[in-house]
Amino acid sequence: MSKQLLRAGTSIGANIAESQQAQSRPDFISKLCIALKEASETNYWLRLLRATDYLSETEYRTMIVQCRELERLLTSILKSTKPSEQ
């Protein structure tokens, strides 16, 4: 489980870095959507690792707050970047 957390967590940053070199607006949006999905998966692994006592309450709270903030930031960026649906 910890390896899954590491994979998902580091993928967030990798996709954000890739989005900065996007070839187009749709490519930028796609990379950030992937980063958001990875943040959601990271949130899942954190909750599971806490439930199995792999993480202490303090470790969990520190990481989950950061993960949720990333999710909010990515969601906000995507909402302001995606064309409005009519």
PDB file of N, CA and C in Angstrom:
ATOM      1  N   MET A   1       0.816  -1.195   0.000  1.00  0.00           N
ATOM      2  CA  MET A   1       0.000   0.000   0.000  1.00  0.00           C
ATOM      3  C   MET A   1       0.864   1.265   0.000  1.00  0.00           C
ATOM      4  N   SER A   2       1.945   1.236   0.743  1.00  0.00           N
ATOM      5  CA  SER A   2       2.786   2.439   0.786  1.00  0.00           C
ATOM      6  C   SER A   2       3.410   2.724  -0.575  1.00  0.00           C
ATOM      7  N   LYS A   3       3.696   1.665  -1.337  1.00  0.00           N
ATOM      8  CA  LYS A   3       4.243   1.873  -2.687  1.00  0.00           C
ATOM      9  C   LYS A   3       3.196   2.494  -3.601  1.00  0.00           C
ATOM     10  N   GLN A   4       1.945   2.123  -3.418  1.00  0.00           N
ATOM     11  CA  GLN A   4       0.865   2.718  -4.201  1.00  0.00           C
ATOM     12  C   GLN A   4       0.729   4.201  -3.865  1.00  0.00           C
ATOM     13  N   LEU A   5       0.851   4.515  -2.569  1.00  0.00           N
ATOM     14  CA  LEU A   5       0.791   5.915  -2.141  1.00  0.00           C
ATOM     15  C   LEU A   5       1.927   6.708  -2.772  1.00  0.00           C
ATOM     16  N   LEU A   6       3.118   6.153  -2.756  1.00  0.00           N
ATOM     17  CA  LEU A   6       4.275   6.821  -3.346  1.00  0.00           C
ATOM     18  C   LEU A   6       4.074   7.044  -4.839  1.00  0.00           C
ATOM     19  N   ARG A   7       3.578   6.030  -5.537  1.00  0.00           N
ATOM     20  CA  ARG A   7       3.362   6.145  -6.974  1.00  0.00           C
ATOM     21  C   ARG A   7       2.321   7.212  -7.297  1.00  0.00           C
ATOM     22  N   ALA A   8       1.186   7.155  -6.615  1.00  0.00           N
ATOM     23  CA  ALA A   8       0.120   8.121  -6.888  1.00  0.00           C
ATOM     24  C   ALA A   8       0.538   9.531  -6.472  1.00  0.00           C
ATOM     25  N   GLY A   9       1.161   9.643  -5.317  1.00  0.00           N
ATOM     26  CA  GLY A   9       1.553  10.954  -4.811  1.00  0.00           C
ATOM     27  C   GLY A   9       2.583  11.653  -5.679  1.00  0.00           C
ATOM     28  N   THR A  10       3.561  10.907  -6.163  1.00  0.00           N
ATOM     29  CA  THR A  10       4.584  11.531  -7.004  1.00  0.00           C
ATOM     30  C   THR A  10       4.068  11.806  -8.412  1.00  0.00           C
ATOM     31  N   SER A  11       3.057  11.080  -8.823  1.00  0.00           N
ATOM     32  CA  SER A  11       2.473  11.302 -10.143  1.00  0.00           C
ATOM     33  C   SER A  11       1.764  12.652 -10.223  1.00  0.00           C
ATOM     34  N   ILE A  12       1.269  13.129  -9.099  1.00  0.00           N
ATOM     35  CA  ILE A  12       0.612  14.441  -9.088  1.00  0.00           C
ATOM     36  C   ILE A  12       1.583  15.505  -9.585  1.00  0.00           C
ATOM     37  N   GLY A  13       2.738  15.567  -8.947  1.00  0.00           N
ATOM     38  CA  GLY A  13       3.745  16.566  -9.316  1.00  0.00           C
ATOM     39  C   GLY A  13       4.257  16.388 -10.728  1.00  0.00           C
ATOM     40  N   ALA A  14       4.437  15.140 -11.140  1.00  0.00           N
ATOM     41  CA  ALA A  14       4.934  14.877 -12.492  1.00  0.00           C
ATOM     42  C   ALA A  14       3.950  15.393 -13.544  1.00  0.00           C
ATOM     43  N   ASN A  15       2.663  15.182 -13.309  1.00  0.00           N
ATOM     44  CA  ASN A  15       1.665  15.642 -14.281  1.00  0.00           C
ATOM     45  C   ASN A  15       1.510  17.158 -14.263  1.00  0.00           C
ATOM     46  N   ILE A  16       1.659  17.767 -13.110  1.00  0.00           N
ATOM     47  CA  ILE A  16       1.625  19.226 -13.053  1.00  0.00           C
ATOM     48  C   ILE A  16       2.821  19.793 -13.807  1.00  0.00           C
ATOM     49  N   ALA A  17       3.989  19.192 -13.616  1.00  0.00           N
ATOM     50  CA  ALA A  17       5.185  19.647 -14.343  1.00  0.00           C
ATOM     51  C   ALA A  17       4.995  19.486 -15.849  1.00  0.00           C
ATOM     52  N   GLU A  18       4.420  18.376 -16.268  1.00  0.00           N
ATOM     53  CA  GLU A  18       4.160  18.161 -17.700  1.00  0.00           C
ATOM     54  C   GLU A  18       3.166  19.182 -18.237  1.00  0.00           C
ATOM     55  N   SER A  19       2.186  19.556 -17.421  1.00  0.00           N
ATOM     56  CA  SER A  19       1.175  20.514 -17.886  1.00  0.00           C
ATOM     57  C   SER A  19       1.799  21.866 -18.199  1.00  0.00           C
ATOM     58  N   GLN A  20       2.878  22.195 -17.530  1.00  0.00           N
ATOM     59  CA  GLN A  20       3.537  23.478 -17.766  1.00  0.00           C
ATOM     60  C   GLN A  20       4.203  23.538 -19.139  1.00  0.00           C
ATOM     61  N   GLN A  21       4.423  22.380 -19.737  1.00  0.00           N
ATOM     62  CA  GLN A  21       5.004  22.314 -21.078  1.00  0.00           C
ATOM     63  C   GLN A  21       3.991  21.780 -22.092  1.00  0.00           C
ATOM     64  N   ALA A  22       2.726  21.927 -21.774  1.00  0.00           N
ATOM     65  CA  ALA A  22       1.666  21.404 -22.650  1.00  0.00           C
ATOM     66  C   ALA A  22       1.755  22.009 -24.045  1.00  0.00           C
ATOM     67  N   GLN A  23       1.391  21.201 -25.024  1.00  0.00           N
ATOM     68  CA  GLN A  23       1.445  21.638 -26.416  1.00  0.00           C
ATOM     69  C   GLN A  23       0.210  22.436 -26.821  1.00  0.00           C
ATOM     70  N   SER A  24      -0.843  22.323 -26.017  1.00  0.00           N
ATOM     71  CA  SER A  24      -2.092  23.024 -26.330  1.00  0.00           C
ATOM     72  C   SER A  24      -2.930  23.139 -25.055  1.00  0.00           C
ATOM     73  N   ARG A  25      -3.980  23.920 -25.145  1.00  0.00           N
ATOM     74  CA  ARG A  25      -4.887  24.055 -24.002  1.00  0.00           C
ATOM     75  C   ARG A  25      -5.520  22.711 -23.630  1.00  0.00           C
ATOM     76  N   PRO A  26      -6.008  21.927 -24.612  1.00  0.00           N
ATOM     77  CA  PRO A  26      -6.555  20.610 -24.257  1.00  0.00           C
ATOM     78  C   PRO A  26      -5.506  19.690 -23.607  1.00  0.00           C
ATOM     79  N   ASP A  27      -4.254  19.780 -24.056  1.00  0.00           N
ATOM     80  CA  ASP A  27      -3.183  18.979 -23.458  1.00  0.00           C
ATOM     81  C   ASP A  27      -2.947  19.416 -22.012  1.00  0.00           C
ATOM     82  N   PHE A  28      -2.960  20.726 -21.756  1.00  0.00           N
ATOM     83  CA  PHE A  28      -2.804  21.283 -20.418  1.00  0.00           C
ATOM     84  C   PHE A  28      -3.913  20.755 -19.505  1.00  0.00           C
ATOM     85  N   ILE A  29      -5.143  20.832 -19.984  1.00  0.00           N
ATOM     86  CA  ILE A  29      -6.298  20.372 -19.209  1.00  0.00           C
ATOM     87  C   ILE A  29      -6.185  18.874 -18.935  1.00  0.00           C
ATOM     88  N   SER A  30      -5.789  18.119 -19.941  1.00  0.00           N
ATOM     89  CA  SER A  30      -5.655  16.680 -19.777  1.00  0.00           C
ATOM     90  C   SER A  30      -4.644  16.319 -18.694  1.00  0.00           C
ATOM     91  N   LYS A  31      -3.501  16.976 -18.706  1.00  0.00           N
ATOM     92  CA  LYS A  31      -2.459  16.695 -17.714  1.00  0.00           C
ATOM     93  C   LYS A  31      -2.945  17.041 -16.305  1.00  0.00           C
ATOM     94  N   LEU A  32      -3.643  18.164 -16.179  1.00  0.00           N
ATOM     95  CA  LEU A  32      -4.145  18.544 -14.858  1.00  0.00           C
ATOM     96  C   LEU A  32      -5.273  17.621 -14.400  1.00  0.00           C
ATOM     97  N   CYS A  33      -6.070  17.128 -15.319  1.00  0.00           N
ATOM     98  CA  CYS A  33      -7.109  16.151 -14.966  1.00  0.00           C
ATOM     99  C   CYS A  33      -6.475  14.872 -14.427  1.00  0.00           C
ATOM    100  N   ILE A  34      -5.400  14.448 -15.056  1.00  0.00           N
ATOM    101  CA  ILE A  34      -4.682  13.265 -14.577  1.00  0.00           C
ATOM    102  C   ILE A  34      -4.111  13.535 -13.184  1.00  0.00           C
ATOM    103  N   ALA A  35      -3.538  14.721 -12.980  1.00  0.00           N
ATOM    104  CA  ALA A  35      -2.997  15.084 -11.667  1.00  0.00           C
ATOM    105  C   ALA A  35      -4.105  15.051 -10.610  1.00  0.00           C
ATOM    106  N   LEU A  36      -5.297  15.542 -10.952  1.00  0.00           N
ATOM    107  CA  LEU A  36      -6.422  15.532 -10.015  1.00  0.00           C
ATOM    108  C   LEU A  36      -6.844  14.099  -9.688  1.00  0.00           C
ATOM    109  N   LYS A  37      -6.882  13.240 -10.688  1.00  0.00           N
ATOM    110  CA  LYS A  37      -7.221  11.835 -10.447  1.00  0.00           C
ATOM    111  C   LYS A  37      -6.189  11.182  -9.528  1.00  0.00           C
ATOM    112  N   GLU A  38      -4.927  11.494  -9.736  1.00  0.00           N
ATOM    113  CA  GLU A  38      -3.871  10.942  -8.888  1.00  0.00           C
ATOM    114  C   GLU A  38      -3.976  11.483  -7.463  1.00  0.00           C
ATOM    115  N   ALA A  39      -4.381  12.739  -7.314  1.00  0.00           N
ATOM    116  CA  ALA A  39      -4.587  13.303  -5.974  1.00  0.00           C
ATOM    117  C   ALA A  39      -5.740  12.585  -5.269  1.00  0.00           C
ATOM    118  N   SER A  40      -6.780  12.291  -6.024  1.00  0.00           N
ATOM    119  CA  SER A  40      -7.906  11.548  -5.461  1.00  0.00           C
ATOM    120  C   SER A  40      -7.466  10.147  -5.029  1.00  0.00           C
ATOM    121  N   GLU A  41      -6.648   9.501  -5.847  1.00  0.00           N
ATOM    122  CA  GLU A  41      -6.142   8.172  -5.490  1.00  0.00           C
ATOM    123  C   GLU A  41      -5.233   8.264  -4.268  1.00  0.00           C
ATOM    124  N   THR A  42      -4.428   9.295  -4.196  1.00  0.00           N
ATOM    125  CA  THR A  42      -3.553   9.495  -3.040  1.00  0.00           C
ATOM    126  C   THR A  42      -4.389   9.641  -1.776  1.00  0.00           C
ATOM    127  N   ASN A  43      -5.470  10.397  -1.864  1.00  0.00           N
ATOM    128  CA  ASN A  43      -6.387  10.561  -0.748  1.00  0.00           C
ATOM    129  C   ASN A  43      -6.898   9.192  -0.289  1.00  0.00           C
ATOM    130  N   TYR A  44      -7.267   8.347  -1.227  1.00  0.00           N
ATOM    131  CA  TYR A  44      -7.744   6.997  -0.914  1.00  0.00           C
ATOM    132  C   TYR A  44      -6.686   6.196  -0.158  1.00  0.00           C
ATOM    133  N   TRP A  45      -5.459   6.186  -0.685  1.00  0.00           N
ATOM    134  CA  TRP A  45      -4.393   5.409  -0.050  1.00  0.00           C
ATOM    135  C   TRP A  45      -4.075   5.933   1.336  1.00  0.00           C
ATOM    136  N   LEU A  46      -4.112   7.243   1.517  1.00  0.00           N
ATOM    137  CA  LEU A  46      -3.873   7.809   2.847  1.00  0.00           C
ATOM    138  C   LEU A  46      -4.932   7.325   3.834  1.00  0.00           C
ATOM    139  N   ARG A  47      -6.186   7.351   3.413  1.00  0.00           N
ATOM    140  CA  ARG A  47      -7.260   6.889   4.300  1.00  0.00           C
ATOM    141  C   ARG A  47      -7.107   5.412   4.634  1.00  0.00           C
ATOM    142  N   LEU A  48      -6.735   4.620   3.640  1.00  0.00           N
ATOM    143  CA  LEU A  48      -6.558   3.186   3.868  1.00  0.00           C
ATOM    144  C   LEU A  48      -5.365   2.911   4.792  1.00  0.00           C
ATOM    145  N   LEU A  49      -4.282   3.622   4.579  1.00  0.00           N
ATOM    146  CA  LEU A  49      -3.105   3.444   5.434  1.00  0.00           C
ATOM    147  C   LEU A  49      -3.387   3.880   6.869  1.00  0.00           C
ATOM    148  N   ARG A  50      -4.229   4.898   7.045  1.00  0.00           N
ATOM    149  CA  ARG A  50      -4.612   5.294   8.400  1.00  0.00           C
ATOM    150  C   ARG A  50      -5.510   4.247   9.025  1.00  0.00           C
ATOM    151  N   ALA A  51      -6.445   3.724   8.265  1.00  0.00           N
ATOM    152  CA  ALA A  51      -7.389   2.727   8.785  1.00  0.00           C
ATOM    153  C   ALA A  51      -6.685   1.451   9.233  1.00  0.00           C
ATOM    154  N   THR A  52      -5.561   1.155   8.614  1.00  0.00           N
ATOM    155  CA  THR A  52      -4.805  -0.052   8.970  1.00  0.00           C
ATOM    156  C   THR A  52      -3.672   0.245   9.952  1.00  0.00           C
ATOM    157  N   ASP A  53      -3.674   1.462  10.508  1.00  0.00           N
ATOM    158  CA  ASP A  53      -2.674   1.907  11.482  1.00  0.00           C
ATOM    159  C   ASP A  53      -1.251   1.922  10.944  1.00  0.00           C
ATOM    160  N   TYR A  54      -1.109   1.988   9.626  1.00  0.00           N
ATOM    161  CA  TYR A  54       0.223   2.134   9.043  1.00  0.00           C
ATOM    162  C   TYR A  54       0.728   3.555   9.269  1.00  0.00           C
ATOM    163  N   LEU A  55      -0.207   4.515   9.269  1.00  0.00           N
ATOM    164  CA  LEU A  55       0.117   5.914   9.547  1.00  0.00           C
ATOM    165  C   LEU A  55      -0.461   6.294  10.904  1.00  0.00           C
ATOM    166  N   SER A  56       0.279   7.099  11.647  1.00  0.00           N
ATOM    167  CA  SER A  56      -0.259   7.637  12.897  1.00  0.00           C
ATOM    168  C   SER A  56      -1.283   8.712  12.556  1.00  0.00           C
ATOM    169  N   GLU A  57      -2.069   9.091  13.529  1.00  0.00           N
ATOM    170  CA  GLU A  57      -3.068  10.138  13.313  1.00  0.00           C
ATOM    171  C   GLU A  57      -2.393  11.445  12.899  1.00  0.00           C
ATOM    172  N   THR A  58      -1.269  11.760  13.514  1.00  0.00           N
ATOM    173  CA  THR A  58      -0.536  12.986  13.187  1.00  0.00           C
ATOM    174  C   THR A  58      -0.010  12.953  11.760  1.00  0.00           C
ATOM    175  N   GLU A  59       0.592  11.838  11.357  1.00  0.00           N
ATOM    176  CA  GLU A  59       1.099  11.713   9.985  1.00  0.00           C
ATOM    177  C   GLU A  59      -0.039  11.831   8.984  1.00  0.00           C
ATOM    178  N   TYR A  60      -1.120  11.134   9.293  1.00  0.00           N
ATOM    179  CA  TYR A  60      -2.284  11.152   8.405  1.00  0.00           C
ATOM    180  C   TYR A  60      -2.831  12.572   8.243  1.00  0.00           C
ATOM    181  N   ARG A  61      -3.058  13.254   9.348  1.00  0.00           N
ATOM    182  CA  ARG A  61      -3.641  14.598   9.284  1.00  0.00           C
ATOM    183  C   ARG A  61      -2.760  15.563   8.500  1.00  0.00           C
ATOM    184  N   THR A  62      -1.478  15.486   8.693  1.00  0.00           N
ATOM    185  CA  THR A  62      -0.554  16.356   7.960  1.00  0.00           C
ATOM    186  C   THR A  62      -0.660  16.117   6.459  1.00  0.00           C
ATOM    187  N   MET A  63      -0.635  14.856   6.061  1.00  0.00           N
ATOM    188  CA  MET A  63      -0.650  14.523   4.636  1.00  0.00           C
ATOM    189  C   MET A  63      -2.011  14.723   3.995  1.00  0.00           C
ATOM    190  N   ILE A  64      -3.083  14.396   4.707  1.00  0.00           N
ATOM    191  CA  ILE A  64      -4.412  14.517   4.103  1.00  0.00           C
ATOM    192  C   ILE A  64      -4.781  15.983   3.890  1.00  0.00           C
ATOM    193  N   VAL A  65      -4.353  16.859   4.787  1.00  0.00           N
ATOM    194  CA  VAL A  65      -4.617  18.293   4.612  1.00  0.00           C
ATOM    195  C   VAL A  65      -3.926  18.785   3.343  1.00  0.00           C
ATOM    196  N   GLN A  66      -2.695  18.383   3.140  1.00  0.00           N
ATOM    197  CA  GLN A  66      -1.962  18.791   1.940  1.00  0.00           C
ATOM    198  C   GLN A  66      -2.590  18.207   0.679  1.00  0.00           C
ATOM    199  N   CYS A  67      -2.994  16.960   0.760  1.00  0.00           N
ATOM    200  CA  CYS A  67      -3.616  16.302  -0.402  1.00  0.00           C
ATOM    201  C   CYS A  67      -4.926  16.996  -0.772  1.00  0.00           C
ATOM    202  N   ARG A  68      -5.733  17.291   0.203  1.00  0.00           N
ATOM    203  CA  ARG A  68      -7.016  17.956  -0.063  1.00  0.00           C
ATOM    204  C   ARG A  68      -6.809  19.358  -0.628  1.00  0.00           C
ATOM    205  N   GLU A  69      -5.779  20.040  -0.152  1.00  0.00           N
ATOM    206  CA  GLU A  69      -5.477  21.374  -0.689  1.00  0.00           C
ATOM    207  C   GLU A  69      -5.080  21.272  -2.161  1.00  0.00           C
ATOM    208  N   LEU A  70      -4.276  20.263  -2.501  1.00  0.00           N
ATOM    209  CA  LEU A  70      -3.923  20.043  -3.912  1.00  0.00           C
ATOM    210  C   LEU A  70      -5.165  19.765  -4.745  1.00  0.00           C
ATOM    211  N   GLU A  71      -6.067  18.955  -4.219  1.00  0.00           N
ATOM    212  CA  GLU A  71      -7.303  18.661  -4.940  1.00  0.00           C
ATOM    213  C   GLU A  71      -8.110  19.942  -5.183  1.00  0.00           C
ATOM    214  N   ARG A  72      -8.218  20.778  -4.170  1.00  0.00           N
ATOM    215  CA  ARG A  72      -8.960  22.034  -4.323  1.00  0.00           C
ATOM    216  C   ARG A  72      -8.293  22.957  -5.343  1.00  0.00           C
ATOM    217  N   LEU A  73      -6.973  23.070  -5.271  1.00  0.00           N
ATOM    218  CA  LEU A  73      -6.254  23.928  -6.215  1.00  0.00           C
ATOM    219  C   LEU A  73      -6.411  23.438  -7.652  1.00  0.00           C
ATOM    220  N   LEU A  74      -6.235  22.144  -7.857  1.00  0.00           N
ATOM    221  CA  LEU A  74      -6.368  21.586  -9.204  1.00  0.00           C
ATOM    222  C   LEU A  74      -7.789  21.751  -9.726  1.00  0.00           C
ATOM    223  N   THR A  75      -8.770  21.525  -8.868  1.00  0.00           N
ATOM    224  CA  THR A  75     -10.168  21.697  -9.271  1.00  0.00           C
ATOM    225  C   THR A  75     -10.434  23.142  -9.683  1.00  0.00           C
ATOM    226  N   SER A  76      -9.923  24.076  -8.910  1.00  0.00           N
ATOM    227  CA  SER A  76     -10.110  25.496  -9.213  1.00  0.00           C
ATOM    228  C   SER A  76      -9.453  25.878 -10.540  1.00  0.00           C
ATOM    229  N   ILE A  77      -8.239  25.413 -10.755  1.00  0.00           N
ATOM    230  CA  ILE A  77      -7.538  25.700 -12.009  1.00  0.00           C
ATOM    231  C   ILE A  77      -8.316  25.118 -13.187  1.00  0.00           C
ATOM    232  N   LEU A  78      -8.768  23.891 -13.039  1.00  0.00           N
ATOM    233  CA  LEU A  78      -9.501  23.247 -14.142  1.00  0.00           C
ATOM    234  C   LEU A  78     -10.822  23.961 -14.419  1.00  0.00           C
ATOM    235  N   LYS A  79     -11.522  24.377 -13.389  1.00  0.00           N
ATOM    236  CA  LYS A  79     -12.791  25.101 -13.592  1.00  0.00           C
ATOM    237  C   LYS A  79     -12.566  26.413 -14.326  1.00  0.00           C
ATOM    238  N   SER A  80     -11.475  27.088 -14.014  1.00  0.00           N
ATOM    239  CA  SER A  80     -11.224  28.374 -14.654  1.00  0.00           C
ATOM    240  C   SER A  80     -10.590  28.225 -16.042  1.00  0.00           C
ATOM    241  N   THR A  81     -10.089  27.042 -16.353  1.00  0.00           N
ATOM    242  CA  THR A  81      -9.425  26.816 -17.632  1.00  0.00           C
ATOM    243  C   THR A  81     -10.327  26.183 -18.675  1.00  0.00           C
ATOM    244  N   LYS A  82     -11.189  25.281 -18.224  1.00  0.00           N
ATOM    245  CA  LYS A  82     -12.080  24.592 -19.158  1.00  0.00           C
ATOM    246  C   LYS A  82     -13.091  25.577 -19.740  1.00  0.00           C
ATOM    247  N   PRO A  83     -13.399  25.417 -21.024  1.00  0.00           N
ATOM    248  CA  PRO A  83     -14.437  26.282 -21.596  1.00  0.00           C
ATOM    249  C   PRO A  83     -15.772  25.972 -20.931  1.00  0.00           C
ATOM    250  N   SER A  84     -16.571  27.005 -20.720  1.00  0.00           N
ATOM    251  CA  SER A  84     -17.867  26.797 -20.090  1.00  0.00           C
ATOM    252  C   SER A  84     -18.774  26.030 -21.052  1.00  0.00           C
ATOM    253  N   GLU A  85     -19.505  25.070 -20.475  1.00  0.00           N
ATOM    254  CA  GLU A  85     -20.430  24.282 -21.289  1.00  0.00           C
ATOM    255  C   GLU A  85     -21.744  25.042 -21.397  1.00  0.00           C
ATOM    256  N   GLN A  86     -22.294  25.068 -22.588  1.00  0.00           N
ATOM    257  CA  GLN A  86     -23.531  25.829 -22.793  1.00  0.00           C
ATOM    258  C   GLN A  86     -24.640  24.924 -23.238  1.00  0.00           C
TER     259      GLN A  86
END
